[in-house]
Amino acid sequence: MNSSPNPMLDMLSQLSADRPELQPLLEAMRTQHLTHAEEVEEGPTREELLLQNEQLVALLKRARHEIKRLDALVENLQQETDATAQLQHDLAAALGACPHCWGTDPGCGSCRGRGGPGAYPTDQPLYARFVRPAVRRQAGPPPAPAAPAGAANPTFNPQP
């Protein structure tokens, strides 16, 4: 096994010794290989690195801005989720239902699917807040008070 730091140069030297007629071509290949190796070792220029750095900094700023925007969105969604969960819990209490599944999940650890509306005592203040107004609206307007017995009908006016 060849232990040289550059096996390509070793091979070109060996070929040059074995085939002297190819020496000009092999020398050109050797020069090209050395030039390419120097370019690879040199890497990007300072200007190229500065440009890359500026691009990365700009990308990082955009990413930070996007993260802040997404954090705000997550916070807003969390607040909406919390408010919705509280409303769902309050409605379940107003209707006497399981706050976890409303009696729809036989695997529910709280009610085993038997906690539908009316399964538990209702929370009266929440019932008054959510249910009673809806029931009143569904029932329609209250009936007009009845006229006392023997009172004249104000809308009926007989002519003599």
N, C-alpha and C. Protein backbone atom coordinates (compact mmCIF):
# COMPACT_ATOMS: atom_id res chain seq x y z
N MET A 1 0.85 -1.18 0.00
CA MET A 1 0.00 0.00 0.00
C MET A 1 0.89 1.24 0.00
N ASN A 2 0.52 2.21 -0.76
CA ASN A 2 1.30 3.43 -0.93
C ASN A 2 1.02 4.35 0.25
N SER A 3 2.07 4.81 0.93
CA SER A 3 1.90 5.67 2.10
C SER A 3 2.19 7.13 1.78
N SER A 4 2.30 7.48 0.51
CA SER A 4 2.60 8.85 0.09
C SER A 4 1.40 9.74 0.37
N PRO A 5 1.66 11.03 0.70
CA PRO A 5 0.55 11.95 0.94
C PRO A 5 -0.23 12.25 -0.34
N ASN A 6 0.37 12.03 -1.53
CA ASN A 6 -0.34 12.31 -2.77
C ASN A 6 -0.15 11.15 -3.74
N PRO A 7 -1.02 10.18 -3.72
CA PRO A 7 -0.86 9.00 -4.57
C PRO A 7 -0.93 9.34 -6.06
N MET A 8 -1.63 10.39 -6.42
CA MET A 8 -1.72 10.78 -7.84
C MET A 8 -0.34 11.19 -8.36
N LEU A 9 0.37 11.99 -7.58
CA LEU A 9 1.71 12.41 -8.01
C LEU A 9 2.66 11.22 -8.08
N ASP A 10 2.54 10.28 -7.15
CA ASP A 10 3.37 9.07 -7.19
C ASP A 10 3.10 8.28 -8.47
N MET A 11 1.84 8.15 -8.83
CA MET A 11 1.49 7.40 -10.04
C MET A 11 2.04 8.10 -11.29
N LEU A 12 1.92 9.41 -11.35
CA LEU A 12 2.44 10.15 -12.51
C LEU A 12 3.95 10.01 -12.61
N SER A 13 4.65 10.04 -11.46
CA SER A 13 6.11 9.86 -11.46
C SER A 13 6.48 8.47 -11.96
N GLN A 14 5.76 7.46 -11.51
CA GLN A 14 6.02 6.09 -11.93
C GLN A 14 5.80 5.92 -13.43
N LEU A 15 4.69 6.50 -13.93
CA LEU A 15 4.42 6.41 -15.37
C LEU A 15 5.49 7.14 -16.17
N SER A 16 5.94 8.27 -15.68
CA SER A 16 6.98 9.04 -16.37
C SER A 16 8.27 8.23 -16.47
N ALA A 17 8.59 7.50 -15.41
CA ALA A 17 9.80 6.68 -15.42
C ALA A 17 9.62 5.49 -16.36
N ASP A 18 8.44 4.90 -16.37
CA ASP A 18 8.18 3.73 -17.21
C ASP A 18 7.99 4.09 -18.69
N ARG A 19 7.42 5.26 -18.94
CA ARG A 19 7.11 5.64 -20.33
C ARG A 19 7.64 7.03 -20.61
N PRO A 20 8.92 7.16 -20.89
CA PRO A 20 9.52 8.48 -21.11
C PRO A 20 8.85 9.27 -22.24
N GLU A 21 8.30 8.58 -23.25
CA GLU A 21 7.66 9.28 -24.38
C GLU A 21 6.41 10.05 -23.94
N LEU A 22 5.82 9.67 -22.78
CA LEU A 22 4.62 10.35 -22.29
C LEU A 22 4.95 11.47 -21.30
N GLN A 23 6.24 11.69 -21.10
CA GLN A 23 6.66 12.63 -20.08
C GLN A 23 6.06 14.02 -20.25
N PRO A 24 6.02 14.63 -21.47
CA PRO A 24 5.41 15.97 -21.57
C PRO A 24 3.93 15.97 -21.15
N LEU A 25 3.20 14.94 -21.55
CA LEU A 25 1.79 14.86 -21.18
C LEU A 25 1.64 14.63 -19.68
N LEU A 26 2.46 13.76 -19.14
CA LEU A 26 2.39 13.47 -17.71
C LEU A 26 2.78 14.68 -16.86
N GLU A 27 3.73 15.46 -17.37
CA GLU A 27 4.14 16.68 -16.66
C GLU A 27 3.00 17.69 -16.65
N ALA A 28 2.29 17.81 -17.78
CA ALA A 28 1.14 18.72 -17.84
C ALA A 28 0.06 18.27 -16.85
N MET A 29 -0.14 16.94 -16.78
CA MET A 29 -1.13 16.42 -15.84
C MET A 29 -0.71 16.69 -14.39
N ARG A 30 0.60 16.55 -14.14
CA ARG A 30 1.13 16.81 -12.80
C ARG A 30 0.91 18.27 -12.42
N THR A 31 1.20 19.19 -13.34
CA THR A 31 1.01 20.62 -13.10
C THR A 31 -0.46 20.94 -12.85
N GLN A 32 -1.32 20.36 -13.67
CA GLN A 32 -2.76 20.60 -13.51
C GLN A 32 -3.23 20.07 -12.15
N HIS A 33 -2.75 18.91 -11.77
CA HIS A 33 -3.14 18.33 -10.49
C HIS A 33 -2.67 19.22 -9.33
N LEU A 34 -1.44 19.70 -9.40
CA LEU A 34 -0.92 20.57 -8.33
C LEU A 34 -1.69 21.88 -8.25
N THR A 35 -2.02 22.45 -9.42
CA THR A 35 -2.78 23.70 -9.46
C THR A 35 -4.16 23.49 -8.84
N HIS A 36 -4.81 22.39 -9.22
CA HIS A 36 -6.13 22.10 -8.68
C HIS A 36 -6.04 21.86 -7.16
N ALA A 37 -5.03 21.15 -6.72
CA ALA A 37 -4.86 20.87 -5.29
C ALA A 37 -4.66 22.16 -4.51
N GLU A 38 -3.91 23.13 -5.07
CA GLU A 38 -3.71 24.41 -4.40
C GLU A 38 -5.02 25.18 -4.30
N GLU A 39 -5.82 25.14 -5.39
CA GLU A 39 -7.11 25.84 -5.38
C GLU A 39 -8.02 25.25 -4.31
N VAL A 40 -8.01 23.93 -4.21
CA VAL A 40 -8.84 23.28 -3.21
C VAL A 40 -8.36 23.64 -1.81
N GLU A 41 -7.07 23.63 -1.61
CA GLU A 41 -6.52 23.97 -0.30
C GLU A 41 -6.77 25.42 0.07
N GLU A 42 -6.76 26.32 -0.93
CA GLU A 42 -6.96 27.74 -0.65
C GLU A 42 -8.38 28.02 -0.19
N GLY A 43 -9.35 27.36 -0.75
CA GLY A 43 -10.74 27.58 -0.36
C GLY A 43 -11.23 28.94 -0.85
N PRO A 44 -12.36 29.37 -0.31
CA PRO A 44 -12.95 30.63 -0.74
C PRO A 44 -12.11 31.83 -0.29
N THR A 45 -12.25 32.90 -1.05
CA THR A 45 -11.52 34.12 -0.71
C THR A 45 -12.20 34.82 0.47
N ARG A 46 -11.51 35.79 1.01
CA ARG A 46 -12.07 36.56 2.12
C ARG A 46 -13.36 37.24 1.72
N GLU A 47 -13.40 37.79 0.50
CA GLU A 47 -14.60 38.46 0.02
C GLU A 47 -15.76 37.46 -0.10
N GLU A 48 -15.44 36.26 -0.59
CA GLU A 48 -16.48 35.24 -0.72
C GLU A 48 -17.01 34.83 0.66
N LEU A 49 -16.10 34.71 1.61
CA LEU A 49 -16.52 34.37 2.96
C LEU A 49 -17.36 35.48 3.59
N LEU A 50 -16.99 36.74 3.36
CA LEU A 50 -17.77 37.86 3.89
C LEU A 50 -19.17 37.88 3.28
N LEU A 51 -19.24 37.63 1.98
CA LEU A 51 -20.54 37.59 1.31
C LEU A 51 -21.39 36.44 1.87
N GLN A 52 -20.79 35.27 2.04
CA GLN A 52 -21.51 34.14 2.63
C GLN A 52 -21.99 34.48 4.03
N ASN A 53 -21.13 35.15 4.79
CA ASN A 53 -21.49 35.54 6.15
C ASN A 53 -22.68 36.49 6.15
N GLU A 54 -22.66 37.49 5.26
CA GLU A 54 -23.77 38.44 5.17
C GLU A 54 -25.06 37.72 4.80
N GLN A 55 -24.97 36.78 3.88
CA GLN A 55 -26.15 36.03 3.47
C GLN A 55 -26.70 35.19 4.63
N LEU A 56 -25.80 34.59 5.38
CA LEU A 56 -26.22 33.78 6.53
C LEU A 56 -26.83 34.65 7.62
N VAL A 57 -26.25 35.82 7.84
CA VAL A 57 -26.80 36.74 8.85
C VAL A 57 -28.20 37.18 8.44
N ALA A 58 -28.39 37.51 7.16
CA ALA A 58 -29.71 37.91 6.67
C ALA A 58 -30.71 36.76 6.82
N LEU A 59 -30.27 35.57 6.50
CA LEU A 59 -31.14 34.39 6.64
C LEU A 59 -31.50 34.16 8.11
N LEU A 60 -30.54 34.34 8.99
CA LEU A 60 -30.78 34.19 10.41
C LEU A 60 -31.78 35.23 10.92
N LYS A 61 -31.65 36.47 10.46
CA LYS A 61 -32.60 37.53 10.86
C LYS A 61 -34.01 37.18 10.41
N ARG A 62 -34.14 36.70 9.16
CA ARG A 62 -35.46 36.32 8.66
C ARG A 62 -36.02 35.16 9.48
N ALA A 63 -35.16 34.21 9.82
CA ALA A 63 -35.61 33.06 10.60
C ALA A 63 -36.06 33.51 11.99
N ARG A 64 -35.31 34.42 12.61
CA ARG A 64 -35.70 34.91 13.94
C ARG A 64 -37.04 35.64 13.87
N HIS A 65 -37.22 36.45 12.83
CA HIS A 65 -38.48 37.17 12.64
C HIS A 65 -39.63 36.17 12.47
N GLU A 66 -39.41 35.14 11.68
CA GLU A 66 -40.44 34.13 11.45
C GLU A 66 -40.75 33.37 12.73
N ILE A 67 -39.73 33.08 13.52
CA ILE A 67 -39.94 32.39 14.80
C ILE A 67 -40.78 33.26 15.74
N LYS A 68 -40.49 34.57 15.78
CA LYS A 68 -41.29 35.47 16.63
C LYS A 68 -42.74 35.50 16.16
N ARG A 69 -42.94 35.54 14.85
CA ARG A 69 -44.29 35.56 14.30
C ARG A 69 -45.02 34.26 14.66
N LEU A 70 -44.34 33.15 14.51
CA LEU A 70 -44.95 31.85 14.83
C LEU A 70 -45.20 31.71 16.33
N ASP A 71 -44.29 32.23 17.16
CA ASP A 71 -44.51 32.20 18.60
C ASP A 71 -45.77 32.97 18.97
N ALA A 72 -45.95 34.13 18.35
CA ALA A 72 -47.15 34.94 18.62
C ALA A 72 -48.40 34.19 18.17
N LEU A 73 -48.32 33.54 17.03
CA LEU A 73 -49.45 32.77 16.52
C LEU A 73 -49.77 31.61 17.46
N VAL A 74 -48.75 30.92 17.94
CA VAL A 74 -48.96 29.81 18.88
C VAL A 74 -49.60 30.34 20.17
N GLU A 75 -49.12 31.47 20.66
CA GLU A 75 -49.68 32.06 21.88
C GLU A 75 -51.16 32.40 21.67
N ASN A 76 -51.49 32.99 20.53
CA ASN A 76 -52.87 33.33 20.22
C ASN A 76 -53.74 32.08 20.14
N LEU A 77 -53.23 31.06 19.47
CA LEU A 77 -53.98 29.81 19.36
C LEU A 77 -54.15 29.14 20.72
N GLN A 78 -53.14 29.24 21.58
CA GLN A 78 -53.25 28.66 22.92
C GLN A 78 -54.32 29.38 23.73
N GLN A 79 -54.38 30.71 23.62
CA GLN A 79 -55.40 31.47 24.33
C GLN A 79 -56.80 31.10 23.83
N GLU A 80 -56.94 30.97 22.51
CA GLU A 80 -58.23 30.58 21.94
C GLU A 80 -58.62 29.17 22.38
N THR A 81 -57.66 28.27 22.41
CA THR A 81 -57.92 26.90 22.83
C THR A 81 -58.33 26.87 24.30
N ASP A 82 -57.64 27.61 25.14
CA ASP A 82 -57.97 27.67 26.56
C ASP A 82 -59.38 28.22 26.77
N ALA A 83 -59.72 29.30 26.04
CA ALA A 83 -61.05 29.90 26.17
C ALA A 83 -62.13 28.92 25.69
N THR A 84 -61.87 28.22 24.60
CA THR A 84 -62.83 27.25 24.09
C THR A 84 -63.00 26.09 25.06
N ALA A 85 -61.90 25.62 25.63
CA ALA A 85 -61.97 24.53 26.60
C ALA A 85 -62.77 24.95 27.83
N GLN A 86 -62.58 26.19 28.29
CA GLN A 86 -63.34 26.68 29.45
C GLN A 86 -64.82 26.77 29.12
N LEU A 87 -65.15 27.27 27.94
CA LEU A 87 -66.55 27.37 27.53
C LEU A 87 -67.18 25.98 27.44
N GLN A 88 -66.46 25.03 26.87
CA GLN A 88 -66.95 23.66 26.76
C GLN A 88 -67.19 23.07 28.14
N HIS A 89 -66.28 23.33 29.06
CA HIS A 89 -66.43 22.84 30.44
C HIS A 89 -67.65 23.48 31.10
N ASP A 90 -67.82 24.78 30.91
CA ASP A 90 -68.96 25.49 31.50
C ASP A 90 -70.28 25.00 30.93
N LEU A 91 -70.33 24.77 29.63
CA LEU A 91 -71.56 24.27 29.01
C LEU A 91 -71.90 22.87 29.51
N ALA A 92 -70.87 22.03 29.66
CA ALA A 92 -71.11 20.69 30.20
C ALA A 92 -71.68 20.78 31.61
N ALA A 93 -71.12 21.67 32.43
CA ALA A 93 -71.62 21.83 33.80
C ALA A 93 -73.05 22.38 33.80
N ALA A 94 -73.35 23.30 32.90
CA ALA A 94 -74.69 23.87 32.82
C ALA A 94 -75.72 22.81 32.43
N LEU A 95 -75.30 21.84 31.64
CA LEU A 95 -76.22 20.80 31.18
C LEU A 95 -76.11 19.50 31.97
N GLY A 96 -75.23 19.48 32.96
CA GLY A 96 -75.06 18.28 33.76
C GLY A 96 -74.41 17.15 32.98
N ALA A 97 -73.45 17.46 32.14
CA ALA A 97 -72.78 16.46 31.30
C ALA A 97 -71.32 16.30 31.72
N CYS A 98 -70.75 15.18 31.31
CA CYS A 98 -69.32 14.95 31.54
C CYS A 98 -68.52 16.00 30.79
N PRO A 99 -67.62 16.72 31.46
CA PRO A 99 -66.85 17.77 30.78
C PRO A 99 -65.78 17.22 29.84
N HIS A 100 -65.52 15.93 29.91
CA HIS A 100 -64.46 15.36 29.07
C HIS A 100 -64.99 14.83 27.75
N CYS A 101 -66.14 14.13 27.79
CA CYS A 101 -66.62 13.50 26.55
C CYS A 101 -68.10 13.73 26.28
N TRP A 102 -68.81 14.35 27.19
CA TRP A 102 -70.25 14.59 27.06
C TRP A 102 -71.02 13.27 26.90
N GLY A 103 -70.45 12.19 27.45
CA GLY A 103 -71.14 10.91 27.41
C GLY A 103 -70.99 10.16 26.10
N THR A 104 -70.01 10.55 25.28
CA THR A 104 -69.86 9.92 23.97
C THR A 104 -68.74 8.90 23.90
N ASP A 105 -67.96 8.76 24.97
CA ASP A 105 -66.79 7.88 24.93
C ASP A 105 -66.89 6.81 26.01
N PRO A 106 -67.16 5.56 25.60
CA PRO A 106 -67.23 4.48 26.59
C PRO A 106 -65.90 4.27 27.33
N GLY A 107 -64.81 4.74 26.77
CA GLY A 107 -63.51 4.62 27.42
C GLY A 107 -63.15 5.80 28.31
N CYS A 108 -64.06 6.73 28.47
CA CYS A 108 -63.80 7.93 29.29
C CYS A 108 -63.57 7.51 30.74
N GLY A 109 -62.49 7.99 31.32
CA GLY A 109 -62.16 7.66 32.70
C GLY A 109 -63.09 8.32 33.70
N SER A 110 -63.82 9.34 33.29
CA SER A 110 -64.71 10.04 34.23
C SER A 110 -66.12 9.44 34.25
N CYS A 111 -66.66 9.12 33.06
CA CYS A 111 -68.07 8.69 33.03
C CYS A 111 -68.31 7.36 32.31
N ARG A 112 -67.29 6.83 31.66
CA ARG A 112 -67.40 5.59 30.89
C ARG A 112 -68.51 5.66 29.84
N GLY A 113 -68.69 6.84 29.29
CA GLY A 113 -69.68 7.02 28.22
C GLY A 113 -71.10 7.23 28.70
N ARG A 114 -71.29 7.41 30.01
CA ARG A 114 -72.64 7.57 30.56
C ARG A 114 -72.88 8.98 31.08
N GLY A 115 -72.08 9.94 30.63
CA GLY A 115 -72.18 11.29 31.17
C GLY A 115 -72.80 12.29 30.22
N GLY A 116 -73.82 11.89 29.47
CA GLY A 116 -74.49 12.81 28.56
C GLY A 116 -75.23 13.90 29.33
N PRO A 117 -75.78 14.88 28.63
CA PRO A 117 -76.52 15.94 29.30
C PRO A 117 -77.60 15.36 30.23
N GLY A 118 -77.66 15.90 31.46
CA GLY A 118 -78.62 15.45 32.45
C GLY A 118 -78.11 14.32 33.32
N ALA A 119 -76.95 13.81 33.06
CA ALA A 119 -76.41 12.70 33.86
C ALA A 119 -75.98 13.16 35.25
N TYR A 120 -75.65 14.40 35.41
CA TYR A 120 -75.18 14.94 36.68
C TYR A 120 -76.03 16.17 37.03
N PRO A 121 -76.01 16.58 38.29
CA PRO A 121 -76.73 17.82 38.63
C PRO A 121 -76.16 18.99 37.85
N THR A 122 -77.01 19.87 37.44
CA THR A 122 -76.56 21.03 36.67
C THR A 122 -75.99 22.09 37.61
N ASP A 123 -75.09 22.87 37.08
CA ASP A 123 -74.55 24.02 37.81
C ASP A 123 -75.56 25.15 37.57
N GLN A 124 -76.30 25.51 38.60
CA GLN A 124 -77.41 26.45 38.43
C GLN A 124 -77.00 27.83 37.89
N PRO A 125 -75.92 28.44 38.39
CA PRO A 125 -75.55 29.73 37.80
C PRO A 125 -75.18 29.60 36.31
N LEU A 126 -74.52 28.52 35.95
CA LEU A 126 -74.18 28.33 34.53
C LEU A 126 -75.43 27.97 33.72
N TYR A 127 -76.34 27.22 34.32
CA TYR A 127 -77.60 26.91 33.66
C TYR A 127 -78.36 28.22 33.37
N ALA A 128 -78.41 29.09 34.37
CA ALA A 128 -79.11 30.38 34.20
C ALA A 128 -78.43 31.24 33.14
N ARG A 129 -77.14 31.12 33.05
CA ARG A 129 -76.39 31.94 32.08
C ARG A 129 -76.54 31.43 30.65
N PHE A 130 -76.46 30.11 30.46
CA PHE A 130 -76.42 29.56 29.10
C PHE A 130 -77.73 28.93 28.63
N VAL A 131 -78.39 28.18 29.50
CA VAL A 131 -79.51 27.36 29.05
C VAL A 131 -80.84 28.12 29.14
N ARG A 132 -81.12 28.73 30.28
CA ARG A 132 -82.40 29.38 30.49
C ARG A 132 -82.73 30.40 29.39
N PRO A 133 -81.78 31.28 28.98
CA PRO A 133 -82.12 32.22 27.90
C PRO A 133 -82.48 31.51 26.58
N ALA A 134 -81.83 30.42 26.29
CA ALA A 134 -82.13 29.70 25.05
C ALA A 134 -83.50 29.05 25.13
N VAL A 135 -83.83 28.49 26.28
CA VAL A 135 -85.14 27.85 26.46
C VAL A 135 -86.23 28.91 26.35
N ARG A 136 -86.02 30.07 26.93
CA ARG A 136 -87.02 31.15 26.85
C ARG A 136 -87.23 31.60 25.41
N ARG A 137 -86.16 31.72 24.66
CA ARG A 137 -86.29 32.15 23.26
C ARG A 137 -87.03 31.10 22.44
N GLN A 138 -86.77 29.84 22.73
CA GLN A 138 -87.43 28.77 21.99
C GLN A 138 -88.92 28.72 22.31
N ALA A 139 -89.29 29.05 23.54
CA ALA A 139 -90.70 28.99 23.95
C ALA A 139 -91.51 30.13 23.35
N GLY A 140 -90.88 31.15 22.86
CA GLY A 140 -91.60 32.29 22.28
C GLY A 140 -91.90 33.32 23.34
N PRO A 141 -92.59 34.39 22.93
CA PRO A 141 -92.90 35.46 23.89
C PRO A 141 -93.92 34.97 24.91
N PRO A 142 -93.85 35.50 26.10
CA PRO A 142 -94.83 35.08 27.11
C PRO A 142 -96.23 35.53 26.69
N PRO A 143 -97.24 34.78 27.11
CA PRO A 143 -98.61 35.17 26.72
C PRO A 143 -98.99 36.50 27.38
N ALA A 144 -99.90 37.21 26.71
CA ALA A 144 -100.36 38.49 27.24
C ALA A 144 -101.20 38.21 28.48
N PRO A 145 -101.14 39.10 29.45
CA PRO A 145 -101.97 38.88 30.65
C PRO A 145 -103.45 38.88 30.27
N ALA A 146 -104.19 38.03 30.91
CA ALA A 146 -105.63 37.92 30.64
C ALA A 146 -106.35 39.11 31.26
N ALA A 147 -107.42 39.52 30.60
CA ALA A 147 -108.23 40.63 31.13
C ALA A 147 -109.06 40.11 32.29
N PRO A 148 -109.26 40.95 33.29
CA PRO A 148 -110.09 40.52 34.43
C PRO A 148 -111.51 40.18 33.96
N ALA A 149 -112.11 39.28 34.63
CA ALA A 149 -113.47 38.85 34.26
C ALA A 149 -114.42 40.03 34.36
N GLY A 150 -115.29 40.18 33.36
CA GLY A 150 -116.29 41.24 33.34
C GLY A 150 -115.77 42.55 32.81
N ALA A 151 -114.52 42.66 32.49
CA ALA A 151 -113.98 43.92 31.97
C ALA A 151 -114.34 44.01 30.50
N ALA A 152 -114.54 45.19 30.06
CA ALA A 152 -114.91 45.41 28.66
C ALA A 152 -113.70 45.17 27.78
N ASN A 153 -113.95 44.67 26.60
CA ASN A 153 -112.89 44.43 25.64
C ASN A 153 -112.59 45.76 24.96
N PRO A 154 -111.41 46.31 25.14
CA PRO A 154 -111.13 47.63 24.59
C PRO A 154 -111.08 47.63 23.08
N THR A 155 -110.92 46.51 22.46
CA THR A 155 -110.84 46.51 21.00
C THR A 155 -112.24 46.34 20.39
N PHE A 156 -113.19 45.90 21.18
CA PHE A 156 -114.56 45.74 20.66
C PHE A 156 -115.36 46.95 21.05
N ASN A 157 -115.93 47.63 20.08
CA ASN A 157 -116.67 48.86 20.32
C ASN A 157 -117.98 48.77 19.55
N PRO A 158 -119.03 48.20 20.15
CA PRO A 158 -120.31 48.06 19.40
C PRO A 158 -120.93 49.44 19.14
N GLN A 159 -121.60 49.57 17.99
CA GLN A 159 -122.29 50.82 17.62
C GLN A 159 -123.77 50.70 18.00
N PRO A 160 -124.38 51.79 18.55
CA PRO A 160 -125.80 51.70 18.93
C PRO A 160 -126.73 51.72 17.72
